[in-house]
C-alpha cells in the first residue's frame, strides 16, 4: 500500500475555486480501481492550507491516478492558485484501518 500526503498552500482569493475543483478530483479519484481512500483536509489555523491524503493499493495504482482526466484537469486548474509549489510526501501505512 502507498499513501501520499500532498501539502497545498492556496492564494486566498482562489480558496473557494480550489475547493470546488478539488472536490471534483476527490469524487472521481475515489472511483479509481486501486484507490483505498482520498481525503481532503483543511488546516484549522489557516483556511488556505490543505492536505490531500491519498492511499492506493500499490505504486502502479498511484501512477495510474496521475494519468486520469480528472487528476490532469485538477493539476492544470490549480497551478495558478498556488501560493507556493505543492509538496508531496510518499509514505507506507504502518497502522491503518
PDB file of N, CA and C in Angstrom:
ATOM      1  N   UNK A   1       0.847  -1.172   0.000  1.00  0.00           N
ATOM      2  CA  UNK A   1       0.000   0.000   0.000  1.00  0.00           C
ATOM      3  C   UNK A   1       0.894   1.238   0.000  1.00  0.00           C
ATOM      4  N   UNK A   2       0.428   2.282  -0.665  1.00  0.00           N
ATOM      5  CA  UNK A   2       1.173   3.534  -0.764  1.00  0.00           C
ATOM      6  C   UNK A   2       0.250   4.689  -0.378  1.00  0.00           C
ATOM      7  N   UNK A   3       0.680   5.491   0.573  1.00  0.00           N
ATOM      8  CA  UNK A   3      -0.073   6.685   0.977  1.00  0.00           C
ATOM      9  C   UNK A   3       0.785   7.905   0.690  1.00  0.00           C
ATOM     10  N   UNK A   4       0.154   8.940   0.175  1.00  0.00           N
ATOM     11  CA  UNK A   4       0.866  10.177  -0.121  1.00  0.00           C
ATOM     12  C   UNK A   4       0.156  11.332   0.565  1.00  0.00           C
ATOM     13  N   UNK A   5       0.941  12.162   1.223  1.00  0.00           N
ATOM     14  CA  UNK A   5       0.446  13.415   1.803  1.00  0.00           C
ATOM     15  C   UNK A   5       0.855  14.530   0.853  1.00  0.00           C
ATOM     16  N   UNK A   6      -0.122  15.296   0.388  1.00  0.00           N
ATOM     17  CA  UNK A   6       0.155  16.409  -0.516  1.00  0.00           C
ATOM     18  C   UNK A   6      -0.229  17.691   0.211  1.00  0.00           C
ATOM     19  N   UNK A   7       0.734  18.588   0.385  1.00  0.00           N
ATOM     20  CA  UNK A   7       0.528  19.848   1.088  1.00  0.00           C
ATOM     21  C   UNK A   7       0.348  20.958   0.057  1.00  0.00           C
ATOM     22  N   UNK A   8      -0.765  21.697   0.203  1.00  0.00           N
ATOM     23  CA  UNK A   8      -1.098  22.738  -0.758  1.00  0.00           C
ATOM     24  C   UNK A   8      -1.389  24.037  -0.019  1.00  0.00           C
ATOM     25  N   UNK A   9      -0.751  25.110  -0.458  1.00  0.00           N
ATOM     26  CA  UNK A   9      -0.956  26.446   0.098  1.00  0.00           C
ATOM     27  C   UNK A   9      -1.570  27.289  -1.021  1.00  0.00           C
ATOM     28  N   UNK A  10      -2.824  27.687  -0.831  1.00  0.00           N
ATOM     29  CA  UNK A  10      -3.594  28.366  -1.873  1.00  0.00           C
ATOM     30  C   UNK A  10      -3.597  29.878  -1.652  1.00  0.00           C
ATOM     31  N   UNK A  11      -3.494  30.630  -2.727  1.00  0.00           N
ATOM     32  CA  UNK A  11      -3.641  32.085  -2.667  1.00  0.00           C
ATOM     33  C   UNK A  11      -5.077  32.362  -2.199  1.00  0.00           C
ATOM     34  N   UNK A  12      -5.251  33.194  -1.162  1.00  0.00           N
ATOM     35  CA  UNK A  12      -6.575  33.366  -0.545  1.00  0.00           C
ATOM     36  C   UNK A  12      -7.739  33.625  -1.502  1.00  0.00           C
ATOM     37  N   UNK A  13      -7.543  34.422  -2.523  1.00  0.00           N
ATOM     38  CA  UNK A  13      -8.675  34.724  -3.414  1.00  0.00           C
ATOM     39  C   UNK A  13      -9.107  33.531  -4.272  1.00  0.00           C
ATOM     40  N   UNK A  14      -8.329  32.444  -4.258  1.00  0.00           N
ATOM     41  CA  UNK A  14      -8.675  31.248  -5.034  1.00  0.00           C
ATOM     42  C   UNK A  14      -9.187  30.092  -4.174  1.00  0.00           C
ATOM     43  N   UNK A  15      -9.314  30.299  -2.884  1.00  0.00           N
ATOM     44  CA  UNK A  15      -9.636  29.187  -1.989  1.00  0.00           C
ATOM     45  C   UNK A  15     -10.950  28.497  -2.351  1.00  0.00           C
ATOM     46  N   UNK A  16     -11.999  29.242  -2.629  1.00  0.00           N
ATOM     47  CA  UNK A  16     -13.284  28.613  -2.955  1.00  0.00           C
ATOM     48  C   UNK A  16     -13.211  27.854  -4.281  1.00  0.00           C
ATOM     49  N   UNK A  17     -12.534  28.412  -5.274  1.00  0.00           N
ATOM     50  CA  UNK A  17     -12.355  27.715  -6.553  1.00  0.00           C
ATOM     51  C   UNK A  17     -11.527  26.438  -6.340  1.00  0.00           C
ATOM     52  N   UNK A  18     -10.503  26.542  -5.515  1.00  0.00           N
ATOM     53  CA  UNK A  18      -9.677  25.377  -5.215  1.00  0.00           C
ATOM     54  C   UNK A  18     -10.521  24.276  -4.590  1.00  0.00           C
ATOM     55  N   UNK A  19     -11.365  24.633  -3.649  1.00  0.00           N
ATOM     56  CA  UNK A  19     -12.229  23.639  -3.002  1.00  0.00           C
ATOM     57  C   UNK A  19     -13.123  22.939  -4.018  1.00  0.00           C
ATOM     58  N   UNK A  20     -13.691  23.691  -4.944  1.00  0.00           N
ATOM     59  CA  UNK A  20     -14.598  23.101  -5.933  1.00  0.00           C
ATOM     60  C   UNK A  20     -13.885  22.104  -6.839  1.00  0.00           C
ATOM     61  N   UNK A  21     -12.763  22.485  -7.410  1.00  0.00           N
ATOM     62  CA  UNK A  21     -12.058  21.579  -8.327  1.00  0.00           C
ATOM     63  C   UNK A  21     -11.445  20.410  -7.562  1.00  0.00           C
ATOM     64  N   UNK A  22     -11.070  20.622  -6.323  1.00  0.00           N
ATOM     65  CA  UNK A  22     -10.505  19.541  -5.516  1.00  0.00           C
ATOM     66  C   UNK A  22     -11.584  18.544  -5.133  1.00  0.00           C
ATOM     67  N   UNK A  23     -12.792  19.009  -4.889  1.00  0.00           N
ATOM     68  CA  UNK A  23     -13.907  18.086  -4.626  1.00  0.00           C
ATOM     69  C   UNK A  23     -14.170  17.221  -5.856  1.00  0.00           C
ATOM     70  N   UNK A  24     -14.132  17.817  -7.032  1.00  0.00           N
ATOM     71  CA  UNK A  24     -14.281  17.069  -8.291  1.00  0.00           C
ATOM     72  C   UNK A  24     -13.198  15.989  -8.404  1.00  0.00           C
ATOM     73  N   UNK A  25     -11.963  16.351  -8.112  1.00  0.00           N
ATOM     74  CA  UNK A  25     -10.863  15.386  -8.168  1.00  0.00           C
ATOM     75  C   UNK A  25     -11.065  14.284  -7.130  1.00  0.00           C
ATOM     76  N   UNK A  26     -11.462  14.660  -5.935  1.00  0.00           N
ATOM     77  CA  UNK A  26     -11.719  13.693  -4.861  1.00  0.00           C
ATOM     78  C   UNK A  26     -12.786  12.683  -5.278  1.00  0.00           C
ATOM     79  N   UNK A  27     -13.932  13.181  -5.746  1.00  0.00           N
ATOM     80  CA  UNK A  27     -15.046  12.292  -6.102  1.00  0.00           C
ATOM     81  C   UNK A  27     -14.659  11.303  -7.186  1.00  0.00           C
ATOM     82  N   UNK A  28     -13.905  11.746  -8.167  1.00  0.00           N
ATOM     83  CA  UNK A  28     -13.503  10.854  -9.261  1.00  0.00           C
ATOM     84  C   UNK A  28     -12.350   9.940  -8.869  1.00  0.00           C
ATOM     85  N   UNK A  29     -11.458  10.413  -8.026  1.00  0.00           N
ATOM     86  CA  UNK A  29     -10.344   9.573  -7.570  1.00  0.00           C
ATOM     87  C   UNK A  29     -10.853   8.396  -6.753  1.00  0.00           C
ATOM     88  N   UNK A  30     -11.906   8.605  -5.974  1.00  0.00           N
ATOM     89  CA  UNK A  30     -12.467   7.526  -5.152  1.00  0.00           C
ATOM     90  C   UNK A  30     -13.035   6.398  -6.011  1.00  0.00           C
ATOM     91  N   UNK A  31     -13.348   6.685  -7.265  1.00  0.00           N
ATOM     92  CA  UNK A  31     -13.906   5.680  -8.188  1.00  0.00           C
ATOM     93  C   UNK A  31     -12.819   4.873  -8.895  1.00  0.00           C
ATOM     94  N   UNK A  32     -11.569   5.273  -8.760  1.00  0.00           N
ATOM     95  CA  UNK A  32     -10.477   4.600  -9.467  1.00  0.00           C
ATOM     96  C   UNK A  32     -10.228   3.204  -8.901  1.00  0.00           C
ATOM     97  N   UNK A  33      -9.948   2.245  -9.779  1.00  0.00           N
ATOM     98  CA  UNK A  33      -9.513   0.941  -9.273  1.00  0.00           C
ATOM     99  C   UNK A  33      -8.193   1.132  -8.524  1.00  0.00           C
ATOM    100  N   UNK A  34      -8.060   0.508  -7.395  1.00  0.00           N
ATOM    101  CA  UNK A  34      -6.824   0.630  -6.624  1.00  0.00           C
ATOM    102  C   UNK A  34      -6.810   1.768  -5.635  1.00  0.00           C
ATOM    103  N   UNK A  35      -7.821   2.643  -5.664  1.00  0.00           N
ATOM    104  CA  UNK A  35      -7.878   3.716  -4.671  1.00  0.00           C
ATOM    105  C   UNK A  35      -8.493   3.178  -3.390  1.00  0.00           C
ATOM    106  N   UNK A  36      -7.801   3.389  -2.282  1.00  0.00           N
ATOM    107  CA  UNK A  36      -8.277   2.951  -0.969  1.00  0.00           C
ATOM    108  C   UNK A  36      -8.978   4.102  -0.254  1.00  0.00           C
ATOM    109  N   UNK A  37      -8.392   5.281  -0.338  1.00  0.00           N
ATOM    110  CA  UNK A  37      -9.034   6.475   0.215  1.00  0.00           C
ATOM    111  C   UNK A  37      -8.403   7.716  -0.403  1.00  0.00           C
ATOM    112  N   UNK A  38      -9.144   8.802  -0.327  1.00  0.00           N
ATOM    113  CA  UNK A  38      -8.680  10.078  -0.857  1.00  0.00           C
ATOM    114  C   UNK A  38      -9.370  11.155  -0.028  1.00  0.00           C
ATOM    115  N   UNK A  39      -8.674  11.656   0.971  1.00  0.00           N
ATOM    116  CA  UNK A  39      -9.243  12.648   1.883  1.00  0.00           C
ATOM    117  C   UNK A  39      -8.651  14.020   1.594  1.00  0.00           C
ATOM    118  N   UNK A  40      -9.478  15.033   1.757  1.00  0.00           N
ATOM    119  CA  UNK A  40      -9.032  16.411   1.602  1.00  0.00           C
ATOM    120  C   UNK A  40      -9.246  17.093   2.951  1.00  0.00           C
ATOM    121  N   UNK A  41      -8.167  17.595   3.521  1.00  0.00           N
ATOM    122  CA  UNK A  41      -8.195  18.201   4.843  1.00  0.00           C
ATOM    123  C   UNK A  41      -7.837  19.679   4.735  1.00  0.00           C
ATOM    124  N   UNK A  42      -8.488  20.500   5.556  1.00  0.00           N
ATOM    125  CA  UNK A  42      -8.195  21.933   5.600  1.00  0.00           C
ATOM    126  C   UNK A  42      -7.619  22.265   6.971  1.00  0.00           C
ATOM    127  N   UNK A  43      -6.550  23.017   6.990  1.00  0.00           N
ATOM    128  CA  UNK A  43      -5.880  23.434   8.220  1.00  0.00           C
ATOM    129  C   UNK A  43      -6.826  24.291   9.069  1.00  0.00           C
ATOM    130  N   UNK A  44      -7.024  23.932  10.319  1.00  0.00           N
ATOM    131  CA  UNK A  44      -7.899  24.700  11.213  1.00  0.00           C
ATOM    132  C   UNK A  44      -7.365  26.090  11.519  1.00  0.00           C
ATOM    133  N   UNK A  45      -6.059  26.290  11.381  1.00  0.00           N
ATOM    134  CA  UNK A  45      -5.452  27.584  11.686  1.00  0.00           C
ATOM    135  C   UNK A  45      -5.265  28.474  10.467  1.00  0.00           C
ATOM    136  N   UNK A  46      -5.419  27.893   9.279  1.00  0.00           N
ATOM    137  CA  UNK A  46      -5.243  28.672   8.047  1.00  0.00           C
ATOM    138  C   UNK A  46      -6.139  28.066   6.967  1.00  0.00           C
ATOM    139  N   UNK A  47      -7.248  28.705   6.631  1.00  0.00           N
ATOM    140  CA  UNK A  47      -8.201  28.139   5.665  1.00  0.00           C
ATOM    141  C   UNK A  47      -7.687  28.067   4.229  1.00  0.00           C
ATOM    142  N   UNK A  48      -6.463  28.520   3.999  1.00  0.00           N
ATOM    143  CA  UNK A  48      -5.872  28.467   2.660  1.00  0.00           C
ATOM    144  C   UNK A  48      -4.856  27.335   2.517  1.00  0.00           C
ATOM    145  N   UNK A  49      -4.695  26.550   3.569  1.00  0.00           N
ATOM    146  CA  UNK A  49      -3.747  25.431   3.541  1.00  0.00           C
ATOM    147  C   UNK A  49      -4.527  24.123   3.597  1.00  0.00           C
ATOM    148  N   UNK A  50      -4.146  23.206   2.711  1.00  0.00           N
ATOM    149  CA  UNK A  50      -4.839  21.935   2.584  1.00  0.00           C
ATOM    150  C   UNK A  50      -3.834  20.788   2.580  1.00  0.00           C
ATOM    151  N   UNK A  51      -4.323  19.628   2.993  1.00  0.00           N
ATOM    152  CA  UNK A  51      -3.554  18.393   2.899  1.00  0.00           C
ATOM    153  C   UNK A  51      -4.436  17.378   2.193  1.00  0.00           C
ATOM    154  N   UNK A  52      -3.910  16.783   1.148  1.00  0.00           N
ATOM    155  CA  UNK A  52      -4.588  15.674   0.487  1.00  0.00           C
ATOM    156  C   UNK A  52      -3.934  14.395   0.985  1.00  0.00           C
ATOM    157  N   UNK A  53      -4.742  13.465   1.463  1.00  0.00           N
ATOM    158  CA  UNK A  53      -4.269  12.175   1.965  1.00  0.00           C
ATOM    159  C   UNK A  53      -4.775  11.124   1.002  1.00  0.00           C
ATOM    160  N   UNK A  54      -3.867  10.625   0.163  1.00  0.00           N
ATOM    161  CA  UNK A  54      -4.220   9.696  -0.907  1.00  0.00           C
ATOM    162  C   UNK A  54      -3.625   8.329  -0.599  1.00  0.00           C
ATOM    163  N   UNK A  55      -4.459   7.296  -0.655  1.00  0.00           N
ATOM    164  CA  UNK A  55      -3.978   5.941  -0.403  1.00  0.00           C
ATOM    165  C   UNK A  55      -4.373   5.064  -1.591  1.00  0.00           C
ATOM    166  N   UNK A  56      -3.375   4.394  -2.138  1.00  0.00           N
ATOM    167  CA  UNK A  56      -3.583   3.467  -3.255  1.00  0.00           C
ATOM    168  C   UNK A  56      -3.054   2.091  -2.875  1.00  0.00           C
ATOM    169  N   UNK A  57      -3.615   1.068  -3.504  1.00  0.00           N
ATOM    170  CA  UNK A  57      -3.215  -0.307  -3.207  1.00  0.00           C
ATOM    171  C   UNK A  57      -1.724  -0.536  -3.445  1.00  0.00           C
ATOM    172  N   UNK A  58      -1.183   0.133  -4.485  1.00  0.00           N
ATOM    173  CA  UNK A  58       0.231  -0.047  -4.808  1.00  0.00           C
ATOM    174  C   UNK A  58       0.716   1.125  -5.663  1.00  0.00           C
ATOM    175  N   UNK A  59       1.997   1.103  -5.970  1.00  0.00           N
ATOM    176  CA  UNK A  59       2.602   2.193  -6.745  1.00  0.00           C
ATOM    177  C   UNK A  59       2.006   2.290  -8.147  1.00  0.00           C
ATOM    178  N   UNK A  60       1.623   1.154  -8.738  1.00  0.00           N
ATOM    179  CA  UNK A  60       1.018   1.184 -10.073  1.00  0.00           C
ATOM    180  C   UNK A  60      -0.320   1.918 -10.058  1.00  0.00           C
ATOM    181  N   UNK A  61      -1.129   1.674  -9.037  1.00  0.00           N
ATOM    182  CA  UNK A  61      -2.425   2.356  -8.929  1.00  0.00           C
ATOM    183  C   UNK A  61      -2.222   3.852  -8.712  1.00  0.00           C
ATOM    184  N   UNK A  62      -1.227   4.206  -7.912  1.00  0.00           N
ATOM    185  CA  UNK A  62      -0.927   5.621  -7.682  1.00  0.00           C
ATOM    186  C   UNK A  62      -0.447   6.284  -8.973  1.00  0.00           C
ATOM    187  N   UNK A  63       0.367   5.581  -9.733  1.00  0.00           N
ATOM    188  CA  UNK A  63       0.849   6.115 -11.012  1.00  0.00           C
ATOM    189  C   UNK A  63      -0.299   6.254 -12.012  1.00  0.00           C
ATOM    190  N   UNK A  64      -1.216   5.303 -12.010  1.00  0.00           N
ATOM    191  CA  UNK A  64      -2.370   5.361 -12.914  1.00  0.00           C
ATOM    192  C   UNK A  64      -3.236   6.579 -12.603  1.00  0.00           C
ATOM    193  N   UNK A  65      -3.327   6.946 -11.337  1.00  0.00           N
ATOM    194  CA  UNK A  65      -4.099   8.130 -10.936  1.00  0.00           C
ATOM    195  C   UNK A  65      -3.599   9.364 -11.674  1.00  0.00           C
ATOM    196  N   UNK A  66      -2.304   9.472 -11.832  1.00  0.00           N
ATOM    197  CA  UNK A  66      -1.727  10.655 -12.471  1.00  0.00           C
ATOM    198  C   UNK A  66      -1.954  10.693 -13.980  1.00  0.00           C
ATOM    199  N   UNK A  67      -2.533   9.625 -14.526  1.00  0.00           N
ATOM    200  CA  UNK A  67      -2.853   9.582 -15.951  1.00  0.00           C
ATOM    201  C   UNK A  67      -4.330   9.878 -16.223  1.00  0.00           C
ATOM    202  N   UNK A  68      -5.121  10.060 -15.166  1.00  0.00           N
ATOM    203  CA  UNK A  68      -6.564  10.239 -15.342  1.00  0.00           C
ATOM    204  C   UNK A  68      -6.910  11.662 -15.783  1.00  0.00           C
ATOM    205  N   UNK A  69      -8.053  11.764 -16.433  1.00  0.00           N
ATOM    206  CA  UNK A  69      -8.547  13.067 -16.888  1.00  0.00           C
ATOM    207  C   UNK A  69      -8.797  13.988 -15.708  1.00  0.00           C
ATOM    208  N   UNK A  70      -9.422  13.460 -14.643  1.00  0.00           N
ATOM    209  CA  UNK A  70      -9.771  14.329 -13.515  1.00  0.00           C
ATOM    210  C   UNK A  70      -8.537  14.849 -12.781  1.00  0.00           C
ATOM    211  N   UNK A  71      -7.504  14.013 -12.629  1.00  0.00           N
ATOM    212  CA  UNK A  71      -6.280  14.494 -11.984  1.00  0.00           C
ATOM    213  C   UNK A  71      -5.614  15.570 -12.835  1.00  0.00           C
ATOM    214  N   UNK A  72      -5.504  15.325 -14.138  1.00  0.00           N
ATOM    215  CA  UNK A  72      -4.842  16.303 -15.008  1.00  0.00           C
ATOM    216  C   UNK A  72      -5.616  17.608 -15.080  1.00  0.00           C
ATOM    217  N   UNK A  73      -6.947  17.529 -15.072  1.00  0.00           N
ATOM    218  CA  UNK A  73      -7.756  18.756 -15.034  1.00  0.00           C
ATOM    219  C   UNK A  73      -7.508  19.498 -13.726  1.00  0.00           C
ATOM    220  N   UNK A  74      -7.479  18.749 -12.608  1.00  0.00           N
ATOM    221  CA  UNK A  74      -7.214  19.371 -11.305  1.00  0.00           C
ATOM    222  C   UNK A  74      -5.846  20.054 -11.317  1.00  0.00           C
ATOM    223  N   UNK A  75      -4.810  19.313 -11.730  1.00  0.00           N
ATOM    224  CA  UNK A  75      -3.437  19.833 -11.715  1.00  0.00           C
ATOM    225  C   UNK A  75      -3.318  21.121 -12.526  1.00  0.00           C
ATOM    226  N   UNK A  76      -3.897  21.129 -13.720  1.00  0.00           N
ATOM    227  CA  UNK A  76      -3.811  22.322 -14.573  1.00  0.00           C
ATOM    228  C   UNK A  76      -4.614  23.487 -14.006  1.00  0.00           C
ATOM    229  N   UNK A  77      -5.775  23.187 -13.428  1.00  0.00           N
ATOM    230  CA  UNK A  77      -6.641  24.244 -12.896  1.00  0.00           C
ATOM    231  C   UNK A  77      -6.041  24.898 -11.657  1.00  0.00           C
ATOM    232  N   UNK A  78      -5.454  24.097 -10.767  1.00  0.00           N
ATOM    233  CA  UNK A  78      -4.956  24.658  -9.507  1.00  0.00           C
ATOM    234  C   UNK A  78      -3.568  25.286  -9.623  1.00  0.00           C
ATOM    235  N   UNK A  79      -2.849  25.013 -10.682  1.00  0.00           N
ATOM    236  CA  UNK A  79      -1.476  25.533 -10.803  1.00  0.00           C
ATOM    237  C   UNK A  79      -1.387  27.039 -10.537  1.00  0.00           C
ATOM    238  N   UNK A  80      -2.239  27.876 -11.142  1.00  0.00           N
ATOM    239  CA  UNK A  80      -2.113  29.314 -10.869  1.00  0.00           C
ATOM    240  C   UNK A  80      -2.680  29.735  -9.512  1.00  0.00           C
ATOM    241  N   UNK A  81      -3.294  28.812  -8.782  1.00  0.00           N
ATOM    242  CA  UNK A  81      -3.885  29.122  -7.481  1.00  0.00           C
ATOM    243  C   UNK A  81      -2.905  28.941  -6.327  1.00  0.00           C
ATOM    244  N   UNK A  82      -1.740  28.382  -6.609  1.00  0.00           N
ATOM    245  CA  UNK A  82      -0.791  28.021  -5.562  1.00  0.00           C
ATOM    246  C   UNK A  82       0.013  29.220  -5.070  1.00  0.00           C
ATOM    247  N   UNK A  83       0.053  29.373  -3.733  1.00  0.00           N
ATOM    248  CA  UNK A  83       0.891  30.403  -3.129  1.00  0.00           C
ATOM    249  C   UNK A  83       2.350  29.948  -3.112  1.00  0.00           C
ATOM    250  N   UNK A  84       2.541  28.622  -3.151  1.00  0.00           N
ATOM    251  CA  UNK A  84       3.877  28.020  -3.220  1.00  0.00           C
ATOM    252  C   UNK A  84       3.707  26.665  -3.891  1.00  0.00           C
ATOM    253  N   UNK A  85       4.791  26.090  -4.406  1.00  0.00           N
ATOM    254  CA  UNK A  85       4.650  24.782  -5.051  1.00  0.00           C
ATOM    255  C   UNK A  85       4.109  23.736  -4.070  1.00  0.00           C
ATOM    256  N   UNK A  86       3.199  22.891  -4.560  1.00  0.00           N
ATOM    257  CA  UNK A  86       2.688  21.843  -3.683  1.00  0.00           C
ATOM    258  C   UNK A  86       3.806  20.858  -3.385  1.00  0.00           C
ATOM    259  N   UNK A  87       3.694  20.212  -2.230  1.00  0.00           N
ATOM    260  CA  UNK A  87       4.743  19.309  -1.762  1.00  0.00           C
ATOM    261  C   UNK A  87       4.111  17.967  -1.434  1.00  0.00           C
ATOM    262  N   UNK A  88       4.691  16.894  -1.944  1.00  0.00           N
ATOM    263  CA  UNK A  88       4.163  15.548  -1.704  1.00  0.00           C
ATOM    264  C   UNK A  88       5.175  14.713  -0.936  1.00  0.00           C
ATOM    265  N   UNK A  89       4.666  13.955   0.027  1.00  0.00           N
ATOM    266  CA  UNK A  89       5.495  13.036   0.802  1.00  0.00           C
ATOM    267  C   UNK A  89       4.902  11.645   0.667  1.00  0.00           C
ATOM    268  N   UNK A  90       5.574  10.746  -0.069  1.00  0.00           N
ATOM    269  CA  UNK A  90       5.085   9.370  -0.160  1.00  0.00           C
ATOM    270  C   UNK A  90       5.410   8.626   1.135  1.00  0.00           C
ATOM    271  N   UNK A  91       4.457   7.832   1.592  1.00  0.00           N
ATOM    272  CA  UNK A  91       4.626   7.088   2.832  1.00  0.00           C
ATOM    273  C   UNK A  91       4.103   5.659   2.667  1.00  0.00           C
ATOM    274  N   UNK A  92       4.460   4.814   3.605  1.00  0.00           N
ATOM    275  CA  UNK A  92       3.907   3.467   3.691  1.00  0.00           C
ATOM    276  C   UNK A  92       3.064   3.397   4.951  1.00  0.00           C
ATOM    277  N   UNK A  93       1.779   3.086   4.837  1.00  0.00           N
ATOM    278  CA  UNK A  93       0.947   2.989   6.036  1.00  0.00           C
ATOM    279  C   UNK A  93       1.488   1.921   6.993  1.00  0.00           C
ATOM    280  N   UNK A  94       1.563   2.264   8.234  1.00  0.00           N
ATOM    281  CA  UNK A  94       2.047   1.363   9.266  1.00  0.00           C
ATOM    282  C   UNK A  94       0.861   0.831  10.084  1.00  0.00           C
ATOM    283  N   UNK A  95       0.109   1.718  10.696  1.00  0.00           N
ATOM    284  CA  UNK A  95      -1.129   1.352  11.396  1.00  0.00           C
ATOM    285  C   UNK A  95      -2.251   2.022  10.611  1.00  0.00           C
ATOM    286  N   UNK A  96      -3.072   1.247   9.969  1.00  0.00           N
ATOM    287  CA  UNK A  96      -4.048   1.812   9.028  1.00  0.00           C
ATOM    288  C   UNK A  96      -5.298   0.936   9.014  1.00  0.00           C
ATOM    289  N   UNK A  97      -6.450   1.578   9.134  1.00  0.00           N
ATOM    290  CA  UNK A  97      -7.736   0.865   9.039  1.00  0.00           C
ATOM    291  C   UNK A  97      -8.529   1.374   7.865  1.00  0.00           C
TER     292      UNK A  97
END
